[in-house]
Amino acid sequence: MKKLWYRVQYSLQNEDGITTVEVILLMVVLIAVVLIFKEQVMELVETIMDKITKQALRV
């Protein structure tokens, strides 16, 4: 258990983490995926919300 705790502490103190450029690239990729699949995501969300509304009205 102590080994695990030391690994967690080392990971939190380690400065070789994610750089700003990597974070920006990740955000760009996520935004691109959202823009590409916008219609499918909207349809999925609408379907889920319709099901939730219908089930809530039954109760």
PDB file of N, CA and C in Angstrom:
ATOM      1  N   MET A   1       0.829  -1.191   0.000  1.00  0.00           N
ATOM      2  CA  MET A   1       0.000   0.000   0.000  1.00  0.00           C
ATOM      3  C   MET A   1       0.874   1.255   0.000  1.00  0.00           C
ATOM      4  N   LYS A   2       2.008   1.167   0.717  1.00  0.00           N
ATOM      5  CA  LYS A   2       2.907   2.323   0.768  1.00  0.00           C
ATOM      6  C   LYS A   2       3.493   2.618  -0.603  1.00  0.00           C
ATOM      7  N   LYS A   3       3.796   1.555  -1.371  1.00  0.00           N
ATOM      8  CA  LYS A   3       4.343   1.769  -2.711  1.00  0.00           C
ATOM      9  C   LYS A   3       3.359   2.545  -3.578  1.00  0.00           C
ATOM     10  N   LEU A   4       2.091   2.181  -3.485  1.00  0.00           N
ATOM     11  CA  LEU A   4       1.063   2.871  -4.263  1.00  0.00           C
ATOM     12  C   LEU A   4       0.988   4.335  -3.858  1.00  0.00           C
ATOM     13  N   TRP A   5       1.037   4.602  -2.560  1.00  0.00           N
ATOM     14  CA  TRP A   5       0.963   5.984  -2.073  1.00  0.00           C
ATOM     15  C   TRP A   5       2.162   6.789  -2.562  1.00  0.00           C
ATOM     16  N   TYR A   6       3.348   6.199  -2.549  1.00  0.00           N
ATOM     17  CA  TYR A   6       4.539   6.900  -3.026  1.00  0.00           C
ATOM     18  C   TYR A   6       4.458   7.164  -4.529  1.00  0.00           C
ATOM     19  N   ARG A   7       3.889   6.220  -5.263  1.00  0.00           N
ATOM     20  CA  ARG A   7       3.710   6.430  -6.713  1.00  0.00           C
ATOM     21  C   ARG A   7       2.755   7.589  -6.979  1.00  0.00           C
ATOM     22  N   VAL A   8       1.681   7.657  -6.225  1.00  0.00           N
ATOM     23  CA  VAL A   8       0.718   8.753  -6.395  1.00  0.00           C
ATOM     24  C   VAL A   8       1.387  10.079  -6.073  1.00  0.00           C
ATOM     25  N   GLN A   9       2.129  10.127  -4.987  1.00  0.00           N
ATOM     26  CA  GLN A   9       2.815  11.365  -4.623  1.00  0.00           C
ATOM     27  C   GLN A   9       3.822  11.765  -5.693  1.00  0.00           C
ATOM     28  N   TYR A  10       4.570  10.802  -6.209  1.00  0.00           N
ATOM     29  CA  TYR A  10       5.547  11.103  -7.253  1.00  0.00           C
ATOM     30  C   TYR A  10       4.855  11.633  -8.496  1.00  0.00           C
ATOM     31  N   SER A  11       3.742  11.013  -8.861  1.00  0.00           N
ATOM     32  CA  SER A  11       3.012  11.445 -10.054  1.00  0.00           C
ATOM     33  C   SER A  11       2.513  12.871  -9.904  1.00  0.00           C
ATOM     34  N   LEU A  12       2.068  13.223  -8.713  1.00  0.00           N
ATOM     35  CA  LEU A  12       1.570  14.578  -8.496  1.00  0.00           C
ATOM     36  C   LEU A  12       2.693  15.597  -8.471  1.00  0.00           C
ATOM     37  N   GLN A  13       3.877  15.194  -8.043  1.00  0.00           N
ATOM     38  CA  GLN A  13       5.006  16.113  -7.960  1.00  0.00           C
ATOM     39  C   GLN A  13       5.818  16.150  -9.243  1.00  0.00           C
ATOM     40  N   ASN A  14       5.636  15.167 -10.098  1.00  0.00           N
ATOM     41  CA  ASN A  14       6.397  15.071 -11.332  1.00  0.00           C
ATOM     42  C   ASN A  14       6.015  16.221 -12.258  1.00  0.00           C
ATOM     43  N   GLU A  15       7.003  16.937 -12.758  1.00  0.00           N
ATOM     44  CA  GLU A  15       6.751  18.093 -13.616  1.00  0.00           C
ATOM     45  C   GLU A  15       6.776  17.728 -15.092  1.00  0.00           C
ATOM     46  N   ASP A  16       6.905  16.467 -15.414  1.00  0.00           N
ATOM     47  CA  ASP A  16       6.923  16.029 -16.805  1.00  0.00           C
ATOM     48  C   ASP A  16       5.520  15.716 -17.296  1.00  0.00           C
ATOM     49  N   GLY A  17       4.555  16.452 -16.811  1.00  0.00           N
ATOM     50  CA  GLY A  17       3.157  16.197 -17.155  1.00  0.00           C
ATOM     51  C   GLY A  17       2.785  16.743 -18.512  1.00  0.00           C
ATOM     52  N   ILE A  18       1.530  16.994 -18.678  1.00  0.00           N
ATOM     53  CA  ILE A  18       1.001  17.482 -19.943  1.00  0.00           C
ATOM     54  C   ILE A  18       1.397  18.950 -20.115  1.00  0.00           C
ATOM     55  N   THR A  19       1.906  19.267 -21.279  1.00  0.00           N
ATOM     56  CA  THR A  19       2.288  20.649 -21.555  1.00  0.00           C
ATOM     57  C   THR A  19       1.102  21.413 -22.135  1.00  0.00           C
ATOM     58  N   THR A  20       1.255  22.705 -22.215  1.00  0.00           N
ATOM     59  CA  THR A  20       0.186  23.553 -22.747  1.00  0.00           C
ATOM     60  C   THR A  20      -0.130  23.201 -24.191  1.00  0.00           C
ATOM     61  N   VAL A  21       0.873  22.918 -24.975  1.00  0.00           N
ATOM     62  CA  VAL A  21       0.661  22.576 -26.384  1.00  0.00           C
ATOM     63  C   VAL A  21      -0.173  21.298 -26.500  1.00  0.00           C
ATOM     64  N   GLU A  22       0.104  20.320 -25.667  1.00  0.00           N
ATOM     65  CA  GLU A  22      -0.668  19.076 -25.707  1.00  0.00           C
ATOM     66  C   GLU A  22      -2.119  19.310 -25.325  1.00  0.00           C
ATOM     67  N   VAL A  23      -2.349  20.159 -24.349  1.00  0.00           N
ATOM     68  CA  VAL A  23      -3.716  20.466 -23.934  1.00  0.00           C
ATOM     69  C   VAL A  23      -4.454  21.173 -25.064  1.00  0.00           C
ATOM     70  N   ILE A  24      -3.800  22.121 -25.707  1.00  0.00           N
ATOM     71  CA  ILE A  24      -4.424  22.856 -26.815  1.00  0.00           C
ATOM     72  C   ILE A  24      -4.735  21.908 -27.971  1.00  0.00           C
ATOM     73  N   LEU A  25      -3.804  21.014 -28.304  1.00  0.00           N
ATOM     74  CA  LEU A  25      -4.059  20.049 -29.375  1.00  0.00           C
ATOM     75  C   LEU A  25      -5.226  19.135 -29.042  1.00  0.00           C
ATOM     76  N   LEU A  26      -5.310  18.706 -27.804  1.00  0.00           N
ATOM     77  CA  LEU A  26      -6.421  17.862 -27.380  1.00  0.00           C
ATOM     78  C   LEU A  26      -7.746  18.611 -27.509  1.00  0.00           C
ATOM     79  N   MET A  27      -7.768  19.871 -27.123  1.00  0.00           N
ATOM     80  CA  MET A  27      -8.994  20.672 -27.245  1.00  0.00           C
ATOM     81  C   MET A  27      -9.388  20.850 -28.702  1.00  0.00           C
ATOM     82  N   VAL A  28      -8.412  21.078 -29.576  1.00  0.00           N
ATOM     83  CA  VAL A  28      -8.698  21.247 -31.005  1.00  0.00           C
ATOM     84  C   VAL A  28      -9.304  19.968 -31.580  1.00  0.00           C
ATOM     85  N   VAL A  29      -8.759  18.832 -31.206  1.00  0.00           N
ATOM     86  CA  VAL A  29      -9.293  17.555 -31.696  1.00  0.00           C
ATOM     87  C   VAL A  29     -10.718  17.339 -31.194  1.00  0.00           C
ATOM     88  N   LEU A  30     -10.962  17.621 -29.917  1.00  0.00           N
ATOM     89  CA  LEU A  30     -12.312  17.453 -29.375  1.00  0.00           C
ATOM     90  C   LEU A  30     -13.315  18.365 -30.061  1.00  0.00           C
ATOM     91  N   ILE A  31     -12.934  19.602 -30.293  1.00  0.00           N
ATOM     92  CA  ILE A  31     -13.828  20.546 -30.977  1.00  0.00           C
ATOM     93  C   ILE A  31     -14.100  20.076 -32.400  1.00  0.00           C
ATOM     94  N   ALA A  32     -13.074  19.587 -33.088  1.00  0.00           N
ATOM     95  CA  ALA A  32     -13.262  19.094 -34.454  1.00  0.00           C
ATOM     96  C   ALA A  32     -14.218  17.912 -34.479  1.00  0.00           C
ATOM     97  N   VAL A  33     -14.084  17.002 -33.535  1.00  0.00           N
ATOM     98  CA  VAL A  33     -14.980  15.834 -33.477  1.00  0.00           C
ATOM     99  C   VAL A  33     -16.416  16.286 -33.226  1.00  0.00           C
ATOM    100  N   VAL A  34     -16.596  17.234 -32.334  1.00  0.00           N
ATOM    101  CA  VAL A  34     -17.934  17.749 -32.053  1.00  0.00           C
ATOM    102  C   VAL A  34     -18.532  18.394 -33.297  1.00  0.00           C
ATOM    103  N   LEU A  35     -17.739  19.174 -34.014  1.00  0.00           N
ATOM    104  CA  LEU A  35     -18.252  19.829 -35.210  1.00  0.00           C
ATOM    105  C   LEU A  35     -18.583  18.820 -36.315  1.00  0.00           C
ATOM    106  N   ILE A  36     -17.770  17.791 -36.439  1.00  0.00           N
ATOM    107  CA  ILE A  36     -18.009  16.791 -37.480  1.00  0.00           C
ATOM    108  C   ILE A  36     -19.277  15.988 -37.189  1.00  0.00           C
ATOM    109  N   PHE A  37     -19.484  15.610 -35.936  1.00  0.00           N
ATOM    110  CA  PHE A  37     -20.608  14.756 -35.572  1.00  0.00           C
ATOM    111  C   PHE A  37     -21.728  15.527 -34.874  1.00  0.00           C
ATOM    112  N   LYS A  38     -21.839  16.802 -35.146  1.00  0.00           N
ATOM    113  CA  LYS A  38     -22.816  17.653 -34.470  1.00  0.00           C
ATOM    114  C   LYS A  38     -24.247  17.145 -34.664  1.00  0.00           C
ATOM    115  N   GLU A  39     -24.618  16.822 -35.872  1.00  0.00           N
ATOM    116  CA  GLU A  39     -25.986  16.378 -36.158  1.00  0.00           C
ATOM    117  C   GLU A  39     -26.316  15.080 -35.417  1.00  0.00           C
ATOM    118  N   GLN A  40     -25.397  14.130 -35.456  1.00  0.00           N
ATOM    119  CA  GLN A  40     -25.639  12.853 -34.788  1.00  0.00           C
ATOM    120  C   GLN A  40     -25.756  13.036 -33.278  1.00  0.00           C
ATOM    121  N   VAL A  41     -24.913  13.886 -32.718  1.00  0.00           N
ATOM    122  CA  VAL A  41     -24.950  14.131 -31.280  1.00  0.00           C
ATOM    123  C   VAL A  41     -26.258  14.812 -30.897  1.00  0.00           C
ATOM    124  N   MET A  42     -26.694  15.771 -31.687  1.00  0.00           N
ATOM    125  CA  MET A  42     -27.944  16.476 -31.390  1.00  0.00           C
ATOM    126  C   MET A  42     -29.129  15.518 -31.457  1.00  0.00           C
ATOM    127  N   GLU A  43     -29.153  14.649 -32.456  1.00  0.00           N
ATOM    128  CA  GLU A  43     -30.237  13.673 -32.568  1.00  0.00           C
ATOM    129  C   GLU A  43     -30.242  12.723 -31.370  1.00  0.00           C
ATOM    130  N   LEU A  44     -29.076  12.288 -30.967  1.00  0.00           N
ATOM    131  CA  LEU A  44     -28.971  11.396 -29.822  1.00  0.00           C
ATOM    132  C   LEU A  44     -29.472  12.070 -28.553  1.00  0.00           C
ATOM    133  N   VAL A  45     -29.072  13.306 -28.333  1.00  0.00           N
ATOM    134  CA  VAL A  45     -29.502  14.036 -27.143  1.00  0.00           C
ATOM    135  C   VAL A  45     -31.009  14.262 -27.167  1.00  0.00           C
ATOM    136  N   GLU A  46     -31.547  14.616 -28.313  1.00  0.00           N
ATOM    137  CA  GLU A  46     -32.988  14.828 -28.420  1.00  0.00           C
ATOM    138  C   GLU A  46     -33.754  13.535 -28.137  1.00  0.00           C
ATOM    139  N   THR A  47     -33.274  12.436 -28.663  1.00  0.00           N
ATOM    140  CA  THR A  47     -33.926  11.143 -28.422  1.00  0.00           C
ATOM    141  C   THR A  47     -33.917  10.804 -26.932  1.00  0.00           C
ATOM    142  N   ILE A  48     -32.778  10.982 -26.306  1.00  0.00           N
ATOM    143  CA  ILE A  48     -32.666  10.686 -24.875  1.00  0.00           C
ATOM    144  C   ILE A  48     -33.582  11.592 -24.068  1.00  0.00           C
ATOM    145  N   MET A  49     -33.626  12.868 -24.395  1.00  0.00           N
ATOM    146  CA  MET A  49     -34.471  13.804 -23.658  1.00  0.00           C
ATOM    147  C   MET A  49     -35.951  13.482 -23.866  1.00  0.00           C
ATOM    148  N   ASP A  50     -36.329  13.068 -25.077  1.00  0.00           N
ATOM    149  CA  ASP A  50     -37.717  12.671 -25.328  1.00  0.00           C
ATOM    150  C   ASP A  50     -38.103  11.467 -24.472  1.00  0.00           C
ATOM    151  N   LYS A  51     -37.220  10.479 -24.398  1.00  0.00           N
ATOM    152  CA  LYS A  51     -37.496   9.295 -23.578  1.00  0.00           C
ATOM    153  C   LYS A  51     -37.627   9.663 -22.113  1.00  0.00           C
ATOM    154  N   ILE A  52     -36.761  10.536 -21.639  1.00  0.00           N
ATOM    155  CA  ILE A  52     -36.813  10.963 -20.244  1.00  0.00           C
ATOM    156  C   ILE A  52     -38.123  11.686 -19.968  1.00  0.00           C
ATOM    157  N   THR A  53     -38.519  12.566 -20.867  1.00  0.00           N
ATOM    158  CA  THR A  53     -39.759  13.329 -20.695  1.00  0.00           C
ATOM    159  C   THR A  53     -40.969  12.397 -20.686  1.00  0.00           C
ATOM    160  N   LYS A  54     -41.008  11.452 -21.620  1.00  0.00           N
ATOM    161  CA  LYS A  54     -42.134  10.517 -21.685  1.00  0.00           C
ATOM    162  C   LYS A  54     -42.229   9.671 -20.431  1.00  0.00           C
ATOM    163  N   GLN A  55     -41.100   9.204 -19.926  1.00  0.00           N
ATOM    164  CA  GLN A  55     -41.111   8.385 -18.728  1.00  0.00           C
ATOM    165  C   GLN A  55     -41.475   9.212 -17.502  1.00  0.00           C
ATOM    166  N   ALA A  56     -41.079  10.477 -17.464  1.00  0.00           N
ATOM    167  CA  ALA A  56     -41.411  11.330 -16.336  1.00  0.00           C
ATOM    168  C   ALA A  56     -42.904  11.639 -16.302  1.00  0.00           C
ATOM    169  N   LEU A  57     -43.529  11.752 -17.476  1.00  0.00           N
ATOM    170  CA  LEU A  57     -44.952  12.054 -17.539  1.00  0.00           C
ATOM    171  C   LEU A  57     -45.801  10.847 -17.143  1.00  0.00           C
ATOM    172  N   ARG A  58     -45.265   9.625 -17.306  1.00  0.00           N
ATOM    173  CA  ARG A  58     -46.012   8.419 -16.948  1.00  0.00           C
ATOM    174  C   ARG A  58     -46.153   8.276 -15.438  1.00  0.00           C
ATOM    175  N   VAL A  59     -45.212   8.775 -14.711  1.00  0.00           N
ATOM    176  CA  VAL A  59     -45.208   8.576 -13.249  1.00  0.00           C
ATOM    177  C   VAL A  59     -46.186   9.449 -12.571  1.00  0.00           C
TER     178      VAL A  59
END
